[in-house]
PDB file of N, CA and C in Angstrom:
ATOM      1  N   UNK A   1     116.964  84.176  39.652  1.00  0.00           N
ATOM      2  CA  UNK A   1     116.359  85.413  39.188  1.00  0.00           C
ATOM      3  C   UNK A   1     115.303  85.068  38.150  1.00  0.00           C
ATOM      4  N   UNK A   2     114.272  85.855  38.115  1.00  0.00           N
ATOM      5  CA  UNK A   2     113.204  85.664  37.151  1.00  0.00           C
ATOM      6  C   UNK A   2     113.745  85.811  35.735  1.00  0.00           C
ATOM      7  N   UNK A   3     113.332  84.914  34.857  1.00  0.00           N
ATOM      8  CA  UNK A   3     113.843  84.930  33.490  1.00  0.00           C
ATOM      9  C   UNK A   3     112.819  85.449  32.490  1.00  0.00           C
ATOM     10  N   UNK A   4     111.541  85.232  32.751  1.00  0.00           N
ATOM     11  CA  UNK A   4     110.508  85.609  31.807  1.00  0.00           C
ATOM     12  C   UNK A   4     109.558  86.606  32.462  1.00  0.00           C
ATOM     13  N   UNK A   5     108.797  87.259  31.630  1.00  0.00           N
ATOM     14  CA  UNK A   5     107.792  88.172  32.163  1.00  0.00           C
ATOM     15  C   UNK A   5     106.421  87.754  31.652  1.00  0.00           C
ATOM     16  N   UNK A   6     105.415  88.088  32.408  1.00  0.00           N
ATOM     17  CA  UNK A   6     104.032  87.861  32.021  1.00  0.00           C
ATOM     18  C   UNK A   6     103.251  89.117  32.366  1.00  0.00           C
ATOM     19  N   UNK A   7     102.310  89.429  31.543  1.00  0.00           N
ATOM     20  CA  UNK A   7     101.514  90.632  31.768  1.00  0.00           C
ATOM     21  C   UNK A   7     100.333  90.306  32.670  1.00  0.00           C
ATOM     22  N   UNK A   8     100.061  91.193  33.611  1.00  0.00           N
ATOM     23  CA  UNK A   8      98.897  91.072  34.479  1.00  0.00           C
ATOM     24  C   UNK A   8      98.132  92.385  34.372  1.00  0.00           C
ATOM     25  N   UNK A   9      96.870  92.298  34.077  1.00  0.00           N
ATOM     26  CA  UNK A   9      96.041  93.485  33.934  1.00  0.00           C
ATOM     27  C   UNK A   9      94.946  93.452  34.993  1.00  0.00           C
ATOM     28  N   UNK A  10      94.752  94.572  35.657  1.00  0.00           N
ATOM     29  CA  UNK A  10      93.689  94.653  36.649  1.00  0.00           C
ATOM     30  C   UNK A  10      93.117  96.063  36.631  1.00  0.00           C
ATOM     31  N   UNK A  11      91.913  96.171  37.117  1.00  0.00           N
ATOM     32  CA  UNK A  11      91.235  97.458  37.145  1.00  0.00           C
ATOM     33  C   UNK A  11      91.386  98.097  38.518  1.00  0.00           C
ATOM     34  N   UNK A  12      91.572  99.400  38.511  1.00  0.00           N
ATOM     35  CA  UNK A  12      91.745 100.137  39.754  1.00  0.00           C
ATOM     36  C   UNK A  12      91.067 101.500  39.606  1.00  0.00           C
ATOM     37  N   UNK A  13      90.595 102.019  40.698  1.00  0.00           N
ATOM     38  CA  UNK A  13      89.984 103.339  40.714  1.00  0.00           C
ATOM     39  C   UNK A  13      91.011 104.364  40.204  1.00  0.00           C
ATOM     40  N   UNK A  14      90.614 105.234  39.279  1.00  0.00           N
ATOM     41  CA  UNK A  14      91.557 106.202  38.707  1.00  0.00           C
ATOM     42  C   UNK A  14      92.220 107.116  39.745  1.00  0.00           C
ATOM     43  N   UNK A  15      91.501 107.481  40.780  1.00  0.00           N
ATOM     44  CA  UNK A  15      92.089 108.357  41.805  1.00  0.00           C
ATOM     45  C   UNK A  15      93.168 107.612  42.585  1.00  0.00           C
ATOM     46  N   UNK A  16      92.897 106.344  42.950  1.00  0.00           N
ATOM     47  CA  UNK A  16      93.919 105.541  43.639  1.00  0.00           C
ATOM     48  C   UNK A  16      95.142 105.366  42.759  1.00  0.00           C
ATOM     49  N   UNK A  17      94.928 105.132  41.464  1.00  0.00           N
ATOM     50  CA  UNK A  17      96.049 104.963  40.531  1.00  0.00           C
ATOM     51  C   UNK A  17      96.905 106.219  40.489  1.00  0.00           C
ATOM     52  N   UNK A  18      96.271 107.360  40.387  1.00  0.00           N
ATOM     53  CA  UNK A  18      97.006 108.621  40.324  1.00  0.00           C
ATOM     54  C   UNK A  18      97.821 108.848  41.599  1.00  0.00           C
ATOM     55  N   UNK A  19      97.206 108.647  42.748  1.00  0.00           N
ATOM     56  CA  UNK A  19      97.905 108.839  44.022  1.00  0.00           C
ATOM     57  C   UNK A  19      99.069 107.851  44.136  1.00  0.00           C
ATOM     58  N   UNK A  20      98.805 106.589  43.780  1.00  0.00           N
ATOM     59  CA  UNK A  20      99.842 105.549  43.836  1.00  0.00           C
ATOM     60  C   UNK A  20     101.029 105.925  42.950  1.00  0.00           C
ATOM     61  N   UNK A  21     100.762 106.342  41.714  1.00  0.00           N
ATOM     62  CA  UNK A  21     101.845 106.704  40.799  1.00  0.00           C
ATOM     63  C   UNK A  21     102.619 107.926  41.284  1.00  0.00           C
ATOM     64  N   UNK A  22     101.930 108.888  41.892  1.00  0.00           N
ATOM     65  CA  UNK A  22     102.612 110.067  42.435  1.00  0.00           C
ATOM     66  C   UNK A  22     103.552 109.684  43.569  1.00  0.00           C
ATOM     67  N   UNK A  23     103.073 108.798  44.449  1.00  0.00           N
ATOM     68  CA  UNK A  23     103.911 108.355  45.576  1.00  0.00           C
ATOM     69  C   UNK A  23     105.111 107.562  45.065  1.00  0.00           C
ATOM     70  N   UNK A  24     104.877 106.688  44.096  1.00  0.00           N
ATOM     71  CA  UNK A  24     105.984 105.924  43.504  1.00  0.00           C
ATOM     72  C   UNK A  24     107.029 106.868  42.919  1.00  0.00           C
ATOM     73  N   UNK A  25     106.576 107.867  42.170  1.00  0.00           N
ATOM     74  CA  UNK A  25     107.494 108.821  41.549  1.00  0.00           C
ATOM     75  C   UNK A  25     108.295 109.592  42.596  1.00  0.00           C
ATOM     76  N   UNK A  26     107.655 109.953  43.709  1.00  0.00           N
ATOM     77  CA  UNK A  26     108.363 110.654  44.780  1.00  0.00           C
ATOM     78  C   UNK A  26     109.490 109.798  45.349  1.00  0.00           C
ATOM     79  N   UNK A  27     109.327 108.483  45.296  1.00  0.00           N
ATOM     80  CA  UNK A  27     110.344 107.564  45.803  1.00  0.00           C
ATOM     81  C   UNK A  27     111.272 107.070  44.699  1.00  0.00           C
ATOM     82  N   UNK A  28     111.173 107.677  43.516  1.00  0.00           N
ATOM     83  CA  UNK A  28     111.981 107.324  42.354  1.00  0.00           C
ATOM     84  C   UNK A  28     111.827 105.848  41.981  1.00  0.00           C
ATOM     85  N   UNK A  29     110.586 105.357  42.049  1.00  0.00           N
ATOM     86  CA  UNK A  29     110.260 103.986  41.684  1.00  0.00           C
ATOM     87  C   UNK A  29     109.132 104.005  40.669  1.00  0.00           C
ATOM     88  N   UNK A  30     109.104 102.980  39.824  1.00  0.00           N
ATOM     89  CA  UNK A  30     107.963 102.846  38.935  1.00  0.00           C
ATOM     90  C   UNK A  30     106.869 102.076  39.667  1.00  0.00           C
ATOM     91  N   UNK A  31     105.649 102.219  39.196  1.00  0.00           N
ATOM     92  CA  UNK A  31     104.555 101.466  39.811  1.00  0.00           C
ATOM     93  C   UNK A  31     104.790  99.966  39.648  1.00  0.00           C
ATOM     94  N   UNK A  32     105.374  99.541  38.555  1.00  0.00           N
ATOM     95  CA  UNK A  32     105.671  98.115  38.349  1.00  0.00           C
ATOM     96  C   UNK A  32     106.665  97.596  39.382  1.00  0.00           C
ATOM     97  N   UNK A  33     107.678  98.382  39.694  1.00  0.00           N
ATOM     98  CA  UNK A  33     108.654  97.966  40.709  1.00  0.00           C
ATOM     99  C   UNK A  33     107.968  97.757  42.055  1.00  0.00           C
ATOM    100  N   UNK A  34     107.102  98.665  42.418  1.00  0.00           N
ATOM    101  CA  UNK A  34     106.419  98.576  43.711  1.00  0.00           C
ATOM    102  C   UNK A  34     105.470  97.381  43.730  1.00  0.00           C
ATOM    103  N   UNK A  35     104.723  97.182  42.655  1.00  0.00           N
ATOM    104  CA  UNK A  35     103.803  96.042  42.591  1.00  0.00           C
ATOM    105  C   UNK A  35     104.577  94.728  42.682  1.00  0.00           C
ATOM    106  N   UNK A  36     105.706  94.613  41.959  1.00  0.00           N
ATOM    107  CA  UNK A  36     106.510  93.380  42.043  1.00  0.00           C
ATOM    108  C   UNK A  36     107.020  93.146  43.457  1.00  0.00           C
ATOM    109  N   UNK A  37     107.448  94.211  44.132  1.00  0.00           N
ATOM    110  CA  UNK A  37     107.923  94.087  45.508  1.00  0.00           C
ATOM    111  C   UNK A  37     106.794  93.624  46.434  1.00  0.00           C
ATOM    112  N   UNK A  38     105.621  94.229  46.280  1.00  0.00           N
ATOM    113  CA  UNK A  38     104.474  93.843  47.100  1.00  0.00           C
ATOM    114  C   UNK A  38     104.067  92.390  46.839  1.00  0.00           C
ATOM    115  N   UNK A  39     104.123  91.973  45.580  1.00  0.00           N
ATOM    116  CA  UNK A  39     103.759  90.597  45.249  1.00  0.00           C
ATOM    117  C   UNK A  39     104.742  89.607  45.864  1.00  0.00           C
ATOM    118  N   UNK A  40     106.047  89.908  45.773  1.00  0.00           N
ATOM    119  CA  UNK A  40     107.049  89.023  46.394  1.00  0.00           C
ATOM    120  C   UNK A  40     106.806  88.909  47.887  1.00  0.00           C
ATOM    121  N   UNK A  41     106.569  90.041  48.540  1.00  0.00           N
ATOM    122  CA  UNK A  41     106.316  90.050  49.987  1.00  0.00           C
ATOM    123  C   UNK A  41     105.082  89.220  50.317  1.00  0.00           C
ATOM    124  N   UNK A  42     104.025  89.391  49.556  1.00  0.00           N
ATOM    125  CA  UNK A  42     102.782  88.652  49.791  1.00  0.00           C
ATOM    126  C   UNK A  42     102.998  87.149  49.606  1.00  0.00           C
ATOM    127  N   UNK A  43     103.713  86.777  48.557  1.00  0.00           N
ATOM    128  CA  UNK A  43     103.992  85.352  48.298  1.00  0.00           C
ATOM    129  C   UNK A  43     104.769  84.747  49.456  1.00  0.00           C
ATOM    130  N   UNK A  44     105.829  85.412  49.880  1.00  0.00           N
ATOM    131  CA  UNK A  44     106.665  84.886  50.973  1.00  0.00           C
ATOM    132  C   UNK A  44     105.847  84.756  52.255  1.00  0.00           C
ATOM    133  N   UNK A  45     105.033  85.750  52.559  1.00  0.00           N
ATOM    134  CA  UNK A  45     104.256  85.737  53.798  1.00  0.00           C
ATOM    135  C   UNK A  45     103.128  84.706  53.799  1.00  0.00           C
ATOM    136  N   UNK A  46     102.621  84.359  52.616  1.00  0.00           N
ATOM    137  CA  UNK A  46     101.450  83.490  52.553  1.00  0.00           C
ATOM    138  C   UNK A  46     101.702  82.152  51.854  1.00  0.00           C
ATOM    139  N   UNK A  47     102.941  81.804  51.612  1.00  0.00           N
ATOM    140  CA  UNK A  47     103.256  80.583  50.872  1.00  0.00           C
ATOM    141  C   UNK A  47     103.001  79.321  51.689  1.00  0.00           C
ATOM    142  N   UNK A  48     102.929  79.466  52.998  1.00  0.00           N
ATOM    143  CA  UNK A  48     102.718  78.286  53.845  1.00  0.00           C
ATOM    144  C   UNK A  48     103.886  77.320  53.705  1.00  0.00           C
ATOM    145  N   UNK A  49     103.578  76.071  53.406  1.00  0.00           N
ATOM    146  CA  UNK A  49     104.631  75.051  53.287  1.00  0.00           C
ATOM    147  C   UNK A  49     105.143  74.926  51.860  1.00  0.00           C
ATOM    148  N   UNK A  50     104.616  75.735  50.953  1.00  0.00           N
ATOM    149  CA  UNK A  50     105.035  75.686  49.550  1.00  0.00           C
ATOM    150  C   UNK A  50     106.512  76.029  49.436  1.00  0.00           C
ATOM    151  N   UNK A  51     107.249  75.239  48.682  1.00  0.00           N
ATOM    152  CA  UNK A  51     108.675  75.508  48.470  1.00  0.00           C
ATOM    153  C   UNK A  51     108.817  76.646  47.461  1.00  0.00           C
ATOM    154  N   UNK A  52     109.612  77.643  47.823  1.00  0.00           N
ATOM    155  CA  UNK A  52     109.812  78.807  46.963  1.00  0.00           C
ATOM    156  C   UNK A  52     111.254  78.832  46.465  1.00  0.00           C
ATOM    157  N   UNK A  53     111.481  79.361  45.279  1.00  0.00           N
ATOM    158  CA  UNK A  53     112.845  79.450  44.758  1.00  0.00           C
ATOM    159  C   UNK A  53     113.699  80.387  45.613  1.00  0.00           C
ATOM    160  N   UNK A  54     114.981  80.110  45.673  1.00  0.00           N
ATOM    161  CA  UNK A  54     115.892  80.901  46.507  1.00  0.00           C
ATOM    162  C   UNK A  54     115.917  82.368  46.091  1.00  0.00           C
ATOM    163  N   UNK A  55     115.837  82.648  44.786  1.00  0.00           N
ATOM    164  CA  UNK A  55     115.876  84.043  44.339  1.00  0.00           C
ATOM    165  C   UNK A  55     114.682  84.842  44.851  1.00  0.00           C
ATOM    166  N   UNK A  56     113.621  84.133  45.219  1.00  0.00           N
ATOM    167  CA  UNK A  56     112.437  84.813  45.737  1.00  0.00           C
ATOM    168  C   UNK A  56     112.558  85.074  47.237  1.00  0.00           C
ATOM    169  N   UNK A  57     113.200  84.185  47.952  1.00  0.00           N
ATOM    170  CA  UNK A  57     113.276  84.300  49.405  1.00  0.00           C
ATOM    171  C   UNK A  57     114.615  84.801  49.902  1.00  0.00           C
ATOM    172  N   UNK A  58     115.659  84.684  49.090  1.00  0.00           N
ATOM    173  CA  UNK A  58     116.999  85.070  49.523  1.00  0.00           C
ATOM    174  C   UNK A  58     117.127  86.560  49.725  1.00  0.00           C
ATOM    175  N   UNK A  59     117.814  86.959  50.772  1.00  0.00           N
ATOM    176  CA  UNK A  59     118.014  88.382  51.028  1.00  0.00           C
ATOM    177  C   UNK A  59     119.337  88.876  50.459  1.00  0.00           C
ATOM    178  N   UNK A  60     120.218  87.972  50.049  1.00  0.00           N
ATOM    179  CA  UNK A  60     121.507  88.398  49.540  1.00  0.00           C
ATOM    180  C   UNK A  60     121.469  88.689  48.047  1.00  0.00           C
ATOM    181  N   UNK A  61     120.417  88.259  47.350  1.00  0.00           N
ATOM    182  CA  UNK A  61     120.294  88.483  45.923  1.00  0.00           C
ATOM    183  C   UNK A  61     119.506  89.751  45.691  1.00  0.00           C
ATOM    184  N   UNK A  62     120.075  90.663  44.903  1.00  0.00           N
ATOM    185  CA  UNK A  62     119.401  91.920  44.624  1.00  0.00           C
ATOM    186  C   UNK A  62     118.417  91.704  43.494  1.00  0.00           C
ATOM    187  N   UNK A  63     117.193  92.168  43.675  1.00  0.00           N
ATOM    188  CA  UNK A  63     116.154  91.987  42.663  1.00  0.00           C
ATOM    189  C   UNK A  63     116.300  92.999  41.542  1.00  0.00           C
ATOM    190  N   UNK A  64     115.489  92.821  40.501  1.00  0.00           N
ATOM    191  CA  UNK A  64     115.574  93.692  39.341  1.00  0.00           C
ATOM    192  C   UNK A  64     115.124  95.105  39.620  1.00  0.00           C
ATOM    193  N   UNK A  65     114.420  95.324  40.728  1.00  0.00           N
ATOM    194  CA  UNK A  65     113.938  96.681  41.018  1.00  0.00           C
ATOM    195  C   UNK A  65     114.713  97.344  42.154  1.00  0.00           C
ATOM    196  N   UNK A  66     115.822  96.721  42.540  1.00  0.00           N
ATOM    197  CA  UNK A  66     116.653  97.329  43.562  1.00  0.00           C
ATOM    198  C   UNK A  66     116.298  96.953  44.972  1.00  0.00           C
ATOM    199  N   UNK A  67     115.259  96.161  45.164  1.00  0.00           N
ATOM    200  CA  UNK A  67     114.865  95.709  46.513  1.00  0.00           C
ATOM    201  C   UNK A  67     115.611  94.444  46.853  1.00  0.00           C
ATOM    202  N   UNK A  68     116.072  94.335  48.077  1.00  0.00           N
ATOM    203  CA  UNK A  68     116.774  93.124  48.496  1.00  0.00           C
ATOM    204  C   UNK A  68     115.824  92.158  49.122  1.00  0.00           C
TER     205      UNK A  68
END
């Protein structure tokens, strides 16, 4: 499981941000939870031959945002 956090800042169109946050709220998720889930999925799909930690690829370990 991830032990530390790091801040990532990026710019996004305000309308996209508003729509994204509304959709997240409808699903009872924070935007951070969704972004972390998308990042994990992207890493796994595009890691190639890179060795990834088990907590990142394992399906039996529940993540901090409730996604398996």
